[in-house]
């Protein structure tokens, strides 16, 4: 009897282990199905990531091109502004020299006109005539003196 009981115990143990193995296989099968579904999702995500990276790379290249174009335009505009600055500086210097010449001519003309006007009354000597003349009056006076010169005849130079 002992032989029949031991065989039954071994056969029962094998049956239990077989049932546990089948249960474990069912669980593994479910996990493999989820993993396979996740794999397809992961492949789709990787494809989307590659596409996004390609688009970003193209955008960066376009941005670099635009930056280089802007740099070239800015450089040319700065060079042009520098040339304009030099021209303007030369024009201002020439204008300053011209103003100085006109001021010297006006001063020389005044010194020539004042002795011809005759003796100045004592009352006029107490007030400085040059200080009371406004800049607009100086300009008008200079133009009038230039117009009275015999070679000019009132025409602009």
Protein backbone atom coordinates (compact mmCIF):
# COMPACT_ATOMS: atom_id res chain seq x y z
CA UNK A 1 0.00 0.00 0.00
CA UNK A 2 2.88 2.12 0.62
CA UNK A 3 3.79 1.94 -3.08
CA UNK A 4 0.40 3.10 -4.26
CA UNK A 5 0.33 6.08 -1.88
CA UNK A 6 3.77 7.24 -2.93
CA UNK A 7 2.91 7.08 -6.62
CA UNK A 8 -0.27 9.02 -5.99
CA UNK A 9 1.63 11.70 -4.09
CA UNK A 10 4.17 12.03 -6.89
CA UNK A 11 1.44 12.13 -9.54
CA UNK A 12 -0.53 14.70 -7.53
CA UNK A 13 2.58 16.82 -7.11
CA UNK A 14 3.26 16.70 -10.85
CA UNK A 15 -0.37 17.65 -11.55
CA UNK A 16 -0.16 20.63 -9.17
CA UNK A 17 3.16 21.77 -10.69
CA UNK A 18 1.65 21.40 -14.16
CA UNK A 19 -1.34 23.54 -13.16
CA UNK A 20 0.98 26.22 -11.67
CA UNK A 21 3.09 26.18 -14.85
CA UNK A 22 -0.01 26.60 -17.04
CA UNK A 23 -1.18 29.52 -14.87
CA UNK A 24 2.25 31.13 -15.06
CA UNK A 25 2.26 30.70 -18.86
CA UNK A 26 -1.12 32.46 -19.08
CA UNK A 27 0.27 35.40 -17.04
CA UNK A 28 3.42 35.55 -19.20
CA UNK A 29 1.31 35.46 -22.35
CA UNK A 30 -0.71 38.47 -21.14
CA UNK A 31 2.52 40.37 -20.35
CA UNK A 32 3.98 39.53 -23.76
CA UNK A 33 0.83 40.84 -25.47
CA UNK A 34 1.12 44.13 -23.54
CA UNK A 35 4.82 44.34 -24.36
CA UNK A 36 4.10 43.76 -28.03
CA UNK A 37 1.42 46.50 -27.98
CA UNK A 38 3.86 48.82 -26.21
CA UNK A 39 6.49 47.98 -28.81
CA UNK A 40 4.23 49.21 -31.61
CA UNK A 41 3.48 52.38 -29.65
CA UNK A 42 7.18 52.83 -28.98
CA UNK A 43 8.01 52.42 -32.67
CA UNK A 44 5.40 55.07 -33.52
CA UNK A 45 6.86 57.41 -30.89
CA UNK A 46 10.39 56.87 -32.23
CA UNK A 47 9.17 57.61 -35.77
CA UNK A 48 7.48 60.81 -34.59
CA UNK A 49 10.62 61.80 -32.72
CA UNK A 50 12.76 61.27 -35.82
CA UNK A 51 10.35 63.35 -37.89
CA UNK A 52 10.34 66.14 -35.28
CA UNK A 53 14.13 66.08 -35.13
CA UNK A 54 14.33 66.36 -38.92
CA UNK A 55 11.96 69.34 -38.90
CA UNK A 56 13.89 71.01 -36.08
CA UNK A 57 17.17 70.49 -37.94
CA UNK A 58 15.69 72.08 -41.08
CA UNK A 59 14.39 75.00 -39.02
CA UNK A 60 17.83 75.50 -37.43
CA UNK A 61 19.45 75.53 -40.89
CA UNK A 62 16.93 78.12 -42.11
CA UNK A 63 17.56 80.18 -38.99
CA UNK A 64 21.31 80.06 -39.60
CA UNK A 65 20.80 81.16 -43.20
CA UNK A 66 18.53 84.01 -42.10
CA UNK A 67 21.07 85.08 -39.45
CA UNK A 68 23.88 85.12 -42.02
CA UNK A 69 21.76 87.17 -44.42
CA UNK A 70 20.87 89.61 -41.65
CA UNK A 71 24.54 89.85 -40.66
CA UNK A 72 25.57 90.61 -44.24
CA UNK A 73 22.86 93.26 -44.58
CA UNK A 74 23.79 94.81 -41.25
CA UNK A 75 27.47 94.87 -42.21
CA UNK A 76 26.72 96.59 -45.51
CA UNK A 77 24.46 99.13 -43.78
CA UNK A 78 27.13 99.84 -41.17
CA UNK A 79 29.72 100.38 -43.90
CA UNK A 80 27.31 102.71 -45.71
CA UNK A 81 26.62 104.59 -42.47
CA UNK A 82 30.36 104.93 -41.91
CA UNK A 83 30.79 106.41 -45.40
CA UNK A 84 27.89 108.82 -44.73
CA UNK A 85 29.49 109.78 -41.42
CA UNK A 86 32.79 110.59 -43.12
CA UNK A 87 30.99 112.62 -45.80
CA UNK A 88 28.98 114.46 -43.15
CA UNK A 89 32.10 115.15 -41.09
CA UNK A 90 33.83 116.59 -44.14
CA UNK A 91 30.76 118.68 -44.97
CA UNK A 92 30.59 120.03 -41.42
CA UNK A 93 34.29 120.90 -41.47
CA UNK A 94 33.90 122.65 -44.82
CA UNK A 95 30.83 124.48 -43.52
CA UNK A 96 32.71 125.60 -40.43
CA UNK A 97 35.55 126.95 -42.59
CA UNK A 98 33.03 128.73 -44.80
CA UNK A 99 31.33 130.31 -41.77
CA UNK A 100 34.71 131.48 -40.47
CA UNK A 101 35.51 133.05 -43.85
CA UNK A 102 32.12 134.78 -43.94
CA UNK A 103 32.68 136.04 -40.39
CA UNK A 104 36.10 137.41 -41.36
CA UNK A 105 34.66 139.06 -44.46
CA UNK A 106 31.85 140.57 -42.40
CA UNK A 107 34.28 141.83 -39.77
CA UNK A 108 36.51 143.34 -42.44
CA UNK A 109 33.53 144.96 -44.12
CA UNK A 110 32.37 146.46 -40.83
CA UNK A 111 35.78 147.96 -40.13
CA UNK A 112 35.69 149.52 -43.61
CA UNK A 113 32.12 150.87 -43.25
CA UNK A 114 32.50 152.32 -39.73
CA UNK A 115 35.29 154.85 -40.59
CA UNK A 116 33.30 156.06 -43.62
CA UNK A 117 30.19 156.68 -41.52
CA UNK A 118 31.85 159.61 -39.83
CA UNK A 119 32.40 160.44 -36.20
CA UNK A 120 30.36 158.35 -33.80
CA UNK A 121 28.38 160.32 -31.21
CA UNK A 122 29.46 159.95 -27.60
CA UNK A 123 26.16 158.36 -26.66
CA UNK A 124 26.68 155.51 -29.18
CA UNK A 125 30.16 154.76 -27.80
CA UNK A 126 28.79 153.87 -24.37
CA UNK A 127 26.69 151.04 -25.84
CA UNK A 128 28.48 148.18 -27.54
CA UNK A 129 26.96 147.86 -31.01
CA UNK A 130 28.19 144.33 -31.65
CA UNK A 131 26.68 142.90 -28.47
CA UNK A 132 23.21 144.27 -29.20
CA UNK A 133 23.02 142.79 -32.71
CA UNK A 134 21.10 139.53 -32.74
CA UNK A 135 22.35 136.59 -34.81
CA UNK A 136 19.50 137.06 -37.32
CA UNK A 137 20.45 140.75 -37.58
CA UNK A 138 24.09 139.78 -38.12
CA UNK A 139 23.14 137.52 -40.98
CA UNK A 140 20.99 140.19 -42.60
CA UNK A 141 23.75 142.74 -42.13
CA UNK A 142 26.36 140.42 -43.66
CA UNK A 143 24.13 139.70 -46.64
CA UNK A 144 23.43 143.39 -47.12
CA UNK A 145 27.13 144.18 -47.01
CA UNK A 146 27.90 141.44 -49.52
CA UNK A 147 25.16 142.76 -51.81
CA UNK A 148 26.69 146.26 -51.72
CA UNK A 149 30.06 145.05 -52.94
CA UNK A 150 30.69 146.20 -56.50
CA UNK A 151 31.71 142.82 -57.99
CA UNK A 152 28.71 140.86 -56.66
CA UNK A 153 25.76 143.11 -57.45
CA UNK A 154 23.39 141.33 -55.03
CA UNK A 155 23.71 137.89 -56.67
CA UNK A 156 24.57 134.77 -54.69
CA UNK A 157 28.03 133.38 -55.22
